[in-house]
Amino acid sequence: RGLFERHKLIFLAQLTFNLMKRGIIGTEDWNEAQFQFLVRAPTKATDPNPLTWLPDTAWTATAALADIEEFGKFTSDLVEAAPRFREWFNAIAPEDEKLPLDWAGLDRQPFQKMLVVRCLRPDRMNS
């Protein structure tokens, strides 16, 4: 039996993540906490959203992302460099754009960049 068209992306994602977990593909070390964040998309109740252009759901997701060690200062950077992040946020394909500040280095770590995209632009996760 074949896969339905709507299941192909899910199947490929499962296959890819399984190969990454085993170290067969990818250059990054596997981080289970980051994987669980990507899959579950948690949110965290926090201070009110100070950015008028950012949806509240994205703000609570970034608060949860800050609980992951590598992203501890992401929310403060987001507020401090709000105009630059807004430009990235409003891009047609933000996943192809460099993030502002030191976060531009995530282009070399695509899995971690996917976490940021998952928080700020979840609509781009199935593109």
Foldseek 3Di string as FASTA:
>chain_A
DDDDPVCPVVVVVVVVVVCVQVVNDDDDHDDVVLVCCLVVQDFADDPADPDPLADRQLLRSLVVVCVPPVSVCVNVVCVVPVVQQVVLLPDPQSLVPQHPDPSSVCVSVSSVSSSNCCRGPVVNPVD
